[in-house]
Amino acid sequence: MLKHEFSMEVPHSAARIWALLQDYDHWTDWSEMVNRVDVLWPGDEHQNGRLRRVFFVLPEGRTGSSLELVTEVTPERGHTYTMISRDGNDHLGHVRL
């Protein structure tokens, strides 16, 4: 299985980072590749089951999108998301604070 890992240290609390990650209207303020995020289904009170479509910049100015299901949410600690593909070759991601 192909695995990608990325980590970084920032001088902010987990609560602050969590708030930024939940504020989809402002993802474009801190992510150059994101054009917008549409919430298609809100999920429960912690956003478990949230369905979102993320639109992002591709090479040569084209726009791509991914359909993502958010699960395993632990507020201010992290979540899992599944990028759902048509061919069943879904990708799984984990965000941990």
PDB file of N, CA and C in Angstrom:
ATOM      1  N   MET A   1       0.844  -1.175   0.000  1.00  0.00           N
ATOM      2  CA  MET A   1       0.000   0.000   0.000  1.00  0.00           C
ATOM      3  C   MET A   1       0.890   1.239   0.000  1.00  0.00           C
ATOM      4  N   LEU A   2       0.566   2.177  -0.834  1.00  0.00           N
ATOM      5  CA  LEU A   2       1.282   3.437  -0.900  1.00  0.00           C
ATOM      6  C   LEU A   2       0.896   4.294   0.292  1.00  0.00           C
ATOM      7  N   LYS A   3       1.889   4.882   0.929  1.00  0.00           N
ATOM      8  CA  LYS A   3       1.627   5.691   2.117  1.00  0.00           C
ATOM      9  C   LYS A   3       2.403   6.999   2.017  1.00  0.00           C
ATOM     10  N   HIS A   4       1.710   8.102   2.269  1.00  0.00           N
ATOM     11  CA  HIS A   4       2.331   9.420   2.312  1.00  0.00           C
ATOM     12  C   HIS A   4       2.152   9.969   3.713  1.00  0.00           C
ATOM     13  N   GLU A   5       3.198  10.549   4.254  1.00  0.00           N
ATOM     14  CA  GLU A   5       3.100  11.172   5.572  1.00  0.00           C
ATOM     15  C   GLU A   5       3.641  12.584   5.495  1.00  0.00           C
ATOM     16  N   PHE A   6       3.022  13.446   6.263  1.00  0.00           N
ATOM     17  CA  PHE A   6       3.445  14.836   6.332  1.00  0.00           C
ATOM     18  C   PHE A   6       3.215  15.299   7.754  1.00  0.00           C
ATOM     19  N   SER A   7       4.174  15.970   8.307  1.00  0.00           N
ATOM     20  CA  SER A   7       3.981  16.531   9.644  1.00  0.00           C
ATOM     21  C   SER A   7       4.669  17.880   9.720  1.00  0.00           C
ATOM     22  N   MET A   8       4.192  18.682  10.636  1.00  0.00           N
ATOM     23  CA  MET A   8       4.792  19.994  10.842  1.00  0.00           C
ATOM     24  C   MET A   8       4.458  20.471  12.246  1.00  0.00           C
ATOM     25  N   GLU A   9       5.294  21.335  12.746  1.00  0.00           N
ATOM     26  CA  GLU A   9       5.051  21.938  14.057  1.00  0.00           C
ATOM     27  C   GLU A   9       4.677  23.390  13.834  1.00  0.00           C
ATOM     28  N   VAL A  10       3.649  23.834  14.521  1.00  0.00           N
ATOM     29  CA  VAL A  10       3.210  25.222  14.418  1.00  0.00           C
ATOM     30  C   VAL A  10       3.014  25.773  15.826  1.00  0.00           C
ATOM     31  N   PRO A  11       3.191  27.081  15.981  1.00  0.00           N
ATOM     32  CA  PRO A  11       3.089  27.682  17.318  1.00  0.00           C
ATOM     33  C   PRO A  11       1.649  28.030  17.707  1.00  0.00           C
ATOM     34  N   HIS A  12       0.732  27.086  17.474  1.00  0.00           N
ATOM     35  CA  HIS A  12      -0.675  27.337  17.780  1.00  0.00           C
ATOM     36  C   HIS A  12      -1.243  26.149  18.537  1.00  0.00           C
ATOM     37  N   SER A  13      -2.284  26.396  19.288  1.00  0.00           N
ATOM     38  CA  SER A  13      -2.934  25.329  20.047  1.00  0.00           C
ATOM     39  C   SER A  13      -3.726  24.416  19.109  1.00  0.00           C
ATOM     40  N   ALA A  14      -3.977  23.210  19.576  1.00  0.00           N
ATOM     41  CA  ALA A  14      -4.806  22.278  18.811  1.00  0.00           C
ATOM     42  C   ALA A  14      -6.194  22.869  18.583  1.00  0.00           C
ATOM     43  N   ALA A  15      -6.720  23.595  19.565  1.00  0.00           N
ATOM     44  CA  ALA A  15      -8.047  24.207  19.430  1.00  0.00           C
ATOM     45  C   ALA A  15      -8.069  25.220  18.287  1.00  0.00           C
ATOM     46  N   ARG A  16      -7.017  26.015  18.159  1.00  0.00           N
ATOM     47  CA  ARG A  16      -6.947  27.021  17.089  1.00  0.00           C
ATOM     48  C   ARG A  16      -6.845  26.353  15.722  1.00  0.00           C
ATOM     49  N   ILE A  17      -6.001  25.341  15.623  1.00  0.00           N
ATOM     50  CA  ILE A  17      -5.840  24.632  14.350  1.00  0.00           C
ATOM     51  C   ILE A  17      -7.141  23.929  13.979  1.00  0.00           C
ATOM     52  N   TRP A  18      -7.791  23.313  14.958  1.00  0.00           N
ATOM     53  CA  TRP A  18      -9.067  22.647  14.713  1.00  0.00           C
ATOM     54  C   TRP A  18     -10.093  23.638  14.170  1.00  0.00           C
ATOM     55  N   ALA A  19     -10.154  24.816  14.757  1.00  0.00           N
ATOM     56  CA  ALA A  19     -11.099  25.841  14.295  1.00  0.00           C
ATOM     57  C   ALA A  19     -10.824  26.218  12.843  1.00  0.00           C
ATOM     58  N   LEU A  20      -9.563  26.347  12.468  1.00  0.00           N
ATOM     59  CA  LEU A  20      -9.212  26.664  11.080  1.00  0.00           C
ATOM     60  C   LEU A  20      -9.629  25.543  10.132  1.00  0.00           C
ATOM     61  N   LEU A  21      -9.403  24.310  10.531  1.00  0.00           N
ATOM     62  CA  LEU A  21      -9.758  23.174   9.683  1.00  0.00           C
ATOM     63  C   LEU A  21     -11.264  23.046   9.490  1.00  0.00           C
ATOM     64  N   GLN A  22     -12.057  23.505  10.443  1.00  0.00           N
ATOM     65  CA  GLN A  22     -13.513  23.409  10.350  1.00  0.00           C
ATOM     66  C   GLN A  22     -14.138  24.591   9.613  1.00  0.00           C
ATOM     67  N   ASP A  23     -13.370  25.631   9.360  1.00  0.00           N
ATOM     68  CA  ASP A  23     -13.868  26.848   8.709  1.00  0.00           C
ATOM     69  C   ASP A  23     -13.633  26.758   7.203  1.00  0.00           C
ATOM     70  N   TYR A  24     -14.471  25.972   6.525  1.00  0.00           N
ATOM     71  CA  TYR A  24     -14.279  25.710   5.099  1.00  0.00           C
ATOM     72  C   TYR A  24     -14.339  26.968   4.237  1.00  0.00           C
ATOM     73  N   ASP A  25     -15.078  27.971   4.664  1.00  0.00           N
ATOM     74  CA  ASP A  25     -15.166  29.213   3.890  1.00  0.00           C
ATOM     75  C   ASP A  25     -13.821  29.916   3.776  1.00  0.00           C
ATOM     76  N   HIS A  26     -12.894  29.605   4.669  1.00  0.00           N
ATOM     77  CA  HIS A  26     -11.605  30.294   4.665  1.00  0.00           C
ATOM     78  C   HIS A  26     -10.415  29.391   4.357  1.00  0.00           C
ATOM     79  N   TRP A  27     -10.673  28.182   3.859  1.00  0.00           N
ATOM     80  CA  TRP A  27      -9.547  27.318   3.474  1.00  0.00           C
ATOM     81  C   TRP A  27      -8.665  27.996   2.433  1.00  0.00           C
ATOM     82  N   THR A  28      -9.261  28.797   1.554  1.00  0.00           N
ATOM     83  CA  THR A  28      -8.476  29.468   0.509  1.00  0.00           C
ATOM     84  C   THR A  28      -7.527  30.515   1.084  1.00  0.00           C
ATOM     85  N   ASP A  29      -7.752  30.947   2.314  1.00  0.00           N
ATOM     86  CA  ASP A  29      -6.853  31.918   2.950  1.00  0.00           C
ATOM     87  C   ASP A  29      -5.504  31.304   3.297  1.00  0.00           C
ATOM     88  N   TRP A  30      -5.473  29.999   3.538  1.00  0.00           N
ATOM     89  CA  TRP A  30      -4.224  29.370   3.976  1.00  0.00           C
ATOM     90  C   TRP A  30      -3.772  28.197   3.101  1.00  0.00           C
ATOM     91  N   SER A  31      -4.564  27.835   2.110  1.00  0.00           N
ATOM     92  CA  SER A  31      -4.173  26.756   1.200  1.00  0.00           C
ATOM     93  C   SER A  31      -4.227  27.258  -0.234  1.00  0.00           C
ATOM     94  N   GLU A  32      -3.069  27.408  -0.845  1.00  0.00           N
ATOM     95  CA  GLU A  32      -2.994  27.954  -2.202  1.00  0.00           C
ATOM     96  C   GLU A  32      -3.669  27.070  -3.240  1.00  0.00           C
ATOM     97  N   MET A  33      -3.729  25.774  -3.001  1.00  0.00           N
ATOM     98  CA  MET A  33      -4.270  24.879  -4.025  1.00  0.00           C
ATOM     99  C   MET A  33      -5.792  24.709  -3.955  1.00  0.00           C
ATOM    100  N   VAL A  34      -6.429  25.140  -2.865  1.00  0.00           N
ATOM    101  CA  VAL A  34      -7.878  24.961  -2.720  1.00  0.00           C
ATOM    102  C   VAL A  34      -8.617  26.169  -3.294  1.00  0.00           C
ATOM    103  N   ASN A  35      -9.590  25.891  -4.173  1.00  0.00           N
ATOM    104  CA  ASN A  35     -10.454  26.946  -4.717  1.00  0.00           C
ATOM    105  C   ASN A  35     -11.675  27.176  -3.833  1.00  0.00           C
ATOM    106  N   ARG A  36     -12.250  26.074  -3.350  1.00  0.00           N
ATOM    107  CA  ARG A  36     -13.403  26.174  -2.450  1.00  0.00           C
ATOM    108  C   ARG A  36     -13.736  24.787  -1.917  1.00  0.00           C
ATOM    109  N   VAL A  37     -14.552  24.776  -0.866  1.00  0.00           N
ATOM    110  CA  VAL A  37     -15.044  23.528  -0.283  1.00  0.00           C
ATOM    111  C   VAL A  37     -16.557  23.658  -0.135  1.00  0.00           C
ATOM    112  N   ASP A  38     -17.284  22.718  -0.706  1.00  0.00           N
ATOM    113  CA  ASP A  38     -18.740  22.683  -0.563  1.00  0.00           C
ATOM    114  C   ASP A  38     -19.108  21.563   0.401  1.00  0.00           C
ATOM    115  N   VAL A  39     -19.894  21.876   1.415  1.00  0.00           N
ATOM    116  CA  VAL A  39     -20.397  20.855   2.331  1.00  0.00           C
ATOM    117  C   VAL A  39     -21.713  20.342   1.753  1.00  0.00           C
ATOM    118  N   LEU A  40     -21.740  19.060   1.376  1.00  0.00           N
ATOM    119  CA  LEU A  40     -22.916  18.456   0.757  1.00  0.00           C
ATOM    120  C   LEU A  40     -23.845  17.825   1.787  1.00  0.00           C
ATOM    121  N   TRP A  41     -23.278  17.383   2.897  1.00  0.00           N
ATOM    122  CA  TRP A  41     -24.048  16.833   4.015  1.00  0.00           C
ATOM    123  C   TRP A  41     -23.282  17.167   5.286  1.00  0.00           C
ATOM    124  N   PRO A  42     -23.923  17.763   6.296  1.00  0.00           N
ATOM    125  CA  PRO A  42     -23.188  18.254   7.465  1.00  0.00           C
ATOM    126  C   PRO A  42     -22.679  17.183   8.427  1.00  0.00           C
ATOM    127  N   GLY A  43     -23.287  16.001   8.408  1.00  0.00           N
ATOM    128  CA  GLY A  43     -22.908  14.999   9.407  1.00  0.00           C
ATOM    129  C   GLY A  43     -23.542  15.315  10.750  1.00  0.00           C
ATOM    130  N   ASP A  44     -23.051  14.645  11.787  1.00  0.00           N
ATOM    131  CA  ASP A  44     -23.615  14.845  13.123  1.00  0.00           C
ATOM    132  C   ASP A  44     -23.024  16.080  13.804  1.00  0.00           C
ATOM    133  N   GLU A  45     -23.265  16.222  15.108  1.00  0.00           N
ATOM    134  CA  GLU A  45     -22.809  17.421  15.828  1.00  0.00           C
ATOM    135  C   GLU A  45     -21.287  17.553  15.857  1.00  0.00           C
ATOM    136  N   HIS A  46     -20.565  16.459  15.635  1.00  0.00           N
ATOM    137  CA  HIS A  46     -19.098  16.516  15.585  1.00  0.00           C
ATOM    138  C   HIS A  46     -18.576  16.428  14.153  1.00  0.00           C
ATOM    139  N   GLN A  47     -19.479  16.401  13.188  1.00  0.00           N
ATOM    140  CA  GLN A  47     -19.191  16.322  11.762  1.00  0.00           C
ATOM    141  C   GLN A  47     -18.845  14.915  11.285  1.00  0.00           C
ATOM    142  N   ASN A  48     -19.063  13.891  12.119  1.00  0.00           N
ATOM    143  CA  ASN A  48     -18.958  12.516  11.636  1.00  0.00           C
ATOM    144  C   ASN A  48     -19.995  12.320  10.544  1.00  0.00           C
ATOM    145  N   GLY A  49     -19.586  11.773   9.423  1.00  0.00           N
ATOM    146  CA  GLY A  49     -20.507  11.585   8.313  1.00  0.00           C
ATOM    147  C   GLY A  49     -20.596  12.783   7.392  1.00  0.00           C
ATOM    148  N   ARG A  50     -19.807  13.821   7.672  1.00  0.00           N
ATOM    149  CA  ARG A  50     -19.822  14.995   6.797  1.00  0.00           C
ATOM    150  C   ARG A  50     -19.328  14.589   5.409  1.00  0.00           C
ATOM    151  N   LEU A  51     -20.038  15.064   4.392  1.00  0.00           N
ATOM    152  CA  LEU A  51     -19.650  14.837   3.009  1.00  0.00           C
ATOM    153  C   LEU A  51     -19.303  16.187   2.406  1.00  0.00           C
ATOM    154  N   ARG A  52     -18.103  16.294   1.874  1.00  0.00           N
ATOM    155  CA  ARG A  52     -17.655  17.572   1.310  1.00  0.00           C
ATOM    156  C   ARG A  52     -17.032  17.343  -0.061  1.00  0.00           C
ATOM    157  N   ARG A  53     -17.128  18.362  -0.906  1.00  0.00           N
ATOM    158  CA  ARG A  53     -16.435  18.334  -2.192  1.00  0.00           C
ATOM    159  C   ARG A  53     -15.401  19.447  -2.148  1.00  0.00           C
ATOM    160  N   VAL A  54     -14.154  19.074  -2.363  1.00  0.00           N
ATOM    161  CA  VAL A  54     -13.045  20.024  -2.343  1.00  0.00           C
ATOM    162  C   VAL A  54     -12.619  20.285  -3.783  1.00  0.00           C
ATOM    163  N   PHE A  55     -12.625  21.550  -4.184  1.00  0.00           N
ATOM    164  CA  PHE A  55     -12.176  21.956  -5.519  1.00  0.00           C
ATOM    165  C   PHE A  55     -10.769  22.519  -5.391  1.00  0.00           C
ATOM    166  N   PHE A  56      -9.862  22.059  -6.253  1.00  0.00           N
ATOM    167  CA  PHE A  56      -8.465  22.442  -6.124  1.00  0.00           C
ATOM    168  C   PHE A  56      -7.832  22.692  -7.486  1.00  0.00           C
ATOM    169  N   VAL A  57      -6.714  23.382  -7.474  1.00  0.00           N
ATOM    170  CA  VAL A  57      -5.986  23.754  -8.682  1.00  0.00           C
ATOM    171  C   VAL A  57      -5.161  22.569  -9.172  1.00  0.00           C
ATOM    172  N   LEU A  58      -5.269  22.305 -10.472  1.00  0.00           N
ATOM    173  CA  LEU A  58      -4.445  21.302 -11.142  1.00  0.00           C
ATOM    174  C   LEU A  58      -3.445  22.021 -12.047  1.00  0.00           C
ATOM    175  N   PRO A  59      -2.461  21.302 -12.564  1.00  0.00           N
ATOM    176  CA  PRO A  59      -1.519  21.936 -13.495  1.00  0.00           C
ATOM    177  C   PRO A  59      -2.243  22.574 -14.680  1.00  0.00           C
ATOM    178  N   GLU A  60      -1.619  23.585 -15.231  1.00  0.00           N
ATOM    179  CA  GLU A  60      -2.130  24.317 -16.396  1.00  0.00           C
ATOM    180  C   GLU A  60      -3.449  25.028 -16.116  1.00  0.00           C
ATOM    181  N   GLY A  61      -3.712  25.347 -14.836  1.00  0.00           N
ATOM    182  CA  GLY A  61      -4.876  26.144 -14.490  1.00  0.00           C
ATOM    183  C   GLY A  61      -6.196  25.407 -14.459  1.00  0.00           C
ATOM    184  N   ARG A  62      -6.161  24.113 -14.664  1.00  0.00           N
ATOM    185  CA  ARG A  62      -7.410  23.347 -14.606  1.00  0.00           C
ATOM    186  C   ARG A  62      -7.857  23.190 -13.155  1.00  0.00           C
ATOM    187  N   THR A  63      -9.128  22.825 -12.978  1.00  0.00           N
ATOM    188  CA  THR A  63      -9.675  22.605 -11.639  1.00  0.00           C
ATOM    189  C   THR A  63     -10.059  21.142 -11.483  1.00  0.00           C
ATOM    190  N   GLY A  64      -9.663  20.562 -10.362  1.00  0.00           N
ATOM    191  CA  GLY A  64     -10.059  19.201 -10.022  1.00  0.00           C
ATOM    192  C   GLY A  64     -10.924  19.235  -8.787  1.00  0.00           C
ATOM    193  N   SER A  65     -11.504  18.104  -8.458  1.00  0.00           N
ATOM    194  CA  SER A  65     -12.291  18.040  -7.229  1.00  0.00           C
ATOM    195  C   SER A  65     -12.194  16.644  -6.633  1.00  0.00           C
ATOM    196  N   SER A  66     -12.417  16.584  -5.337  1.00  0.00           N
ATOM    197  CA  SER A  66     -12.480  15.294  -4.657  1.00  0.00           C
ATOM    198  C   SER A  66     -13.711  15.280  -3.765  1.00  0.00           C
ATOM    199  N   LEU A  67     -14.364  14.130  -3.739  1.00  0.00           N
ATOM    200  CA  LEU A  67     -15.509  13.914  -2.873  1.00  0.00           C
ATOM    201  C   LEU A  67     -14.981  13.209  -1.636  1.00  0.00           C
ATOM    202  N   GLU A  68     -15.184  13.813  -0.458  1.00  0.00           N
ATOM    203  CA  GLU A  68     -14.563  13.314   0.765  1.00  0.00           C
ATOM    204  C   GLU A  68     -15.603  13.089   1.864  1.00  0.00           C
ATOM    205  N   LEU A  69     -15.510  11.925   2.492  1.00  0.00           N
ATOM    206  CA  LEU A  69     -16.365  11.572   3.620  1.00  0.00           C
ATOM    207  C   LEU A  69     -15.531  11.651   4.890  1.00  0.00           C
ATOM    208  N   VAL A  70     -15.980  12.459   5.853  1.00  0.00           N
ATOM    209  CA  VAL A  70     -15.254  12.661   7.112  1.00  0.00           C
ATOM    210  C   VAL A  70     -15.834  11.719   8.172  1.00  0.00           C
ATOM    211  N   THR A  71     -14.950  10.980   8.851  1.00  0.00           N
ATOM    212  CA  THR A  71     -15.366  10.020   9.878  1.00  0.00           C
ATOM    213  C   THR A  71     -14.376  10.050  11.039  1.00  0.00           C
ATOM    214  N   GLU A  72     -14.689   9.291  12.069  1.00  0.00           N
ATOM    215  CA  GLU A  72     -13.801   9.119  13.222  1.00  0.00           C
ATOM    216  C   GLU A  72     -13.338  10.458  13.810  1.00  0.00           C
ATOM    217  N   VAL A  73     -14.281  11.396  13.902  1.00  0.00           N
ATOM    218  CA  VAL A  73     -13.959  12.735  14.395  1.00  0.00           C
ATOM    219  C   VAL A  73     -13.831  12.725  15.914  1.00  0.00           C
ATOM    220  N   THR A  74     -12.727  13.258  16.386  1.00  0.00           N
ATOM    221  CA  THR A  74     -12.532  13.550  17.802  1.00  0.00           C
ATOM    222  C   THR A  74     -12.213  15.040  17.865  1.00  0.00           C
ATOM    223  N   PRO A  75     -13.162  15.871  18.300  1.00  0.00           N
ATOM    224  CA  PRO A  75     -12.950  17.320  18.281  1.00  0.00           C
ATOM    225  C   PRO A  75     -11.618  17.730  18.919  1.00  0.00           C
ATOM    226  N   GLU A  76     -10.942  18.620  18.232  1.00  0.00           N
ATOM    227  CA  GLU A  76      -9.644  19.180  18.637  1.00  0.00           C
ATOM    228  C   GLU A  76      -8.527  18.141  18.701  1.00  0.00           C
ATOM    229  N   ARG A  77      -8.756  16.954  18.157  1.00  0.00           N
ATOM    230  CA  ARG A  77      -7.724  15.901  18.126  1.00  0.00           C
ATOM    231  C   ARG A  77      -7.488  15.374  16.718  1.00  0.00           C
ATOM    232  N   GLY A  78      -8.561  15.250  15.905  1.00  0.00           N
ATOM    233  CA  GLY A  78      -8.354  14.764  14.552  1.00  0.00           C
ATOM    234  C   GLY A  78      -9.573  14.107  13.938  1.00  0.00           C
ATOM    235  N   HIS A  79      -9.386  13.642  12.711  1.00  0.00           N
ATOM    236  CA  HIS A  79     -10.439  12.945  11.982  1.00  0.00           C
ATOM    237  C   HIS A  79      -9.814  12.111  10.864  1.00  0.00           C
ATOM    238  N   THR A  80     -10.637  11.272  10.282  1.00  0.00           N
ATOM    239  CA  THR A  80     -10.257  10.492   9.110  1.00  0.00           C
ATOM    240  C   THR A  80     -11.135  10.969   7.966  1.00  0.00           C
ATOM    241  N   TYR A  81     -10.580  10.974   6.752  1.00  0.00           N
ATOM    242  CA  TYR A  81     -11.408  11.281   5.593  1.00  0.00           C
ATOM    243  C   TYR A  81     -11.102  10.274   4.494  1.00  0.00           C
ATOM    244  N   THR A  82     -12.132   9.951   3.738  1.00  0.00           N
ATOM    245  CA  THR A  82     -11.995   9.038   2.613  1.00  0.00           C
ATOM    246  C   THR A  82     -12.298   9.812   1.350  1.00  0.00           C
ATOM    247  N   MET A  83     -11.334   9.844   0.434  1.00  0.00           N
ATOM    248  CA  MET A  83     -11.554  10.432  -0.883  1.00  0.00           C
ATOM    249  C   MET A  83     -12.198   9.337  -1.727  1.00  0.00           C
ATOM    250  N   ILE A  84     -13.466   9.528  -2.063  1.00  0.00           N
ATOM    251  CA  ILE A  84     -14.255   8.510  -2.742  1.00  0.00           C
ATOM    252  C   ILE A  84     -14.041   8.625  -4.249  1.00  0.00           C
ATOM    253  N   SER A  85     -13.670   7.509  -4.881  1.00  0.00           N
ATOM    254  CA  SER A  85     -13.439   7.523  -6.324  1.00  0.00           C
ATOM    255  C   SER A  85     -14.472   6.661  -7.038  1.00  0.00           C
ATOM    256  N   ARG A  86     -14.652   6.940  -8.307  1.00  0.00           N
ATOM    257  CA  ARG A  86     -15.627   6.191  -9.103  1.00  0.00           C
ATOM    258  C   ARG A  86     -15.236   4.730  -9.266  1.00  0.00           C
ATOM    259  N   ASP A  87     -13.945   4.479  -9.363  1.00  0.00           N
ATOM    260  CA  ASP A  87     -13.487   3.118  -9.652  1.00  0.00           C
ATOM    261  C   ASP A  87     -13.281   2.274  -8.397  1.00  0.00           C
ATOM    262  N   GLY A  88     -13.663   2.792  -7.241  1.00  0.00           N
ATOM    263  CA  GLY A  88     -13.505   2.040  -6.007  1.00  0.00           C
ATOM    264  C   GLY A  88     -12.105   2.079  -5.439  1.00  0.00           C
ATOM    265  N   ASN A  89     -11.231   2.879  -6.032  1.00  0.00           N
ATOM    266  CA  ASN A  89      -9.853   3.016  -5.557  1.00  0.00           C
ATOM    267  C   ASN A  89      -9.780   4.204  -4.600  1.00  0.00           C
ATOM    268  N   ASP A  90     -10.537   4.120  -3.510  1.00  0.00           N
ATOM    269  CA  ASP A  90     -10.626   5.221  -2.553  1.00  0.00           C
ATOM    270  C   ASP A  90      -9.294   5.447  -1.848  1.00  0.00           C
ATOM    271  N   HIS A  91      -9.080   6.669  -1.397  1.00  0.00           N
ATOM    272  CA  HIS A  91      -7.876   7.024  -0.647  1.00  0.00           C
ATOM    273  C   HIS A  91      -8.292   7.447   0.754  1.00  0.00           C
ATOM    274  N   LEU A  92      -7.531   7.018   1.725  1.00  0.00           N
ATOM    275  CA  LEU A  92      -7.824   7.298   3.122  1.00  0.00           C
ATOM    276  C   LEU A  92      -6.792   8.269   3.674  1.00  0.00           C
ATOM    277  N   GLY A  93      -7.258   9.274   4.408  1.00  0.00           N
ATOM    278  CA  GLY A  93      -6.357  10.239   5.033  1.00  0.00           C
ATOM    279  C   GLY A  93      -6.692  10.411   6.504  1.00  0.00           C
ATOM    280  N   HIS A  94      -5.677  10.704   7.293  1.00  0.00           N
ATOM    281  CA  HIS A  94      -5.866  10.935   8.725  1.00  0.00           C
ATOM    282  C   HIS A  94      -5.274  12.290   9.080  1.00  0.00           C
ATOM    283  N   VAL A  95      -6.018  13.082   9.808  1.00  0.00           N
ATOM    284  CA  VAL A  95      -5.529  14.351  10.334  1.00  0.00           C
ATOM    285  C   VAL A  95      -5.452  14.184  11.840  1.00  0.00           C
ATOM    286  N   ARG A  96      -4.270  14.382  12.390  1.00  0.00           N
ATOM    287  CA  ARG A  96      -4.070  14.240  13.833  1.00  0.00           C
ATOM    288  C   ARG A  96      -3.399  15.488  14.371  1.00  0.00           C
ATOM    289  N   LEU A  97      -3.942  16.031  15.442  1.00  0.00           N
ATOM    290  CA  LEU A  97      -3.369  17.229  16.061  1.00  0.00           C
ATOM    291  C   LEU A  97      -2.716  16.856  17.369  1.00  0.00           C
TER     292      LEU A  97
END
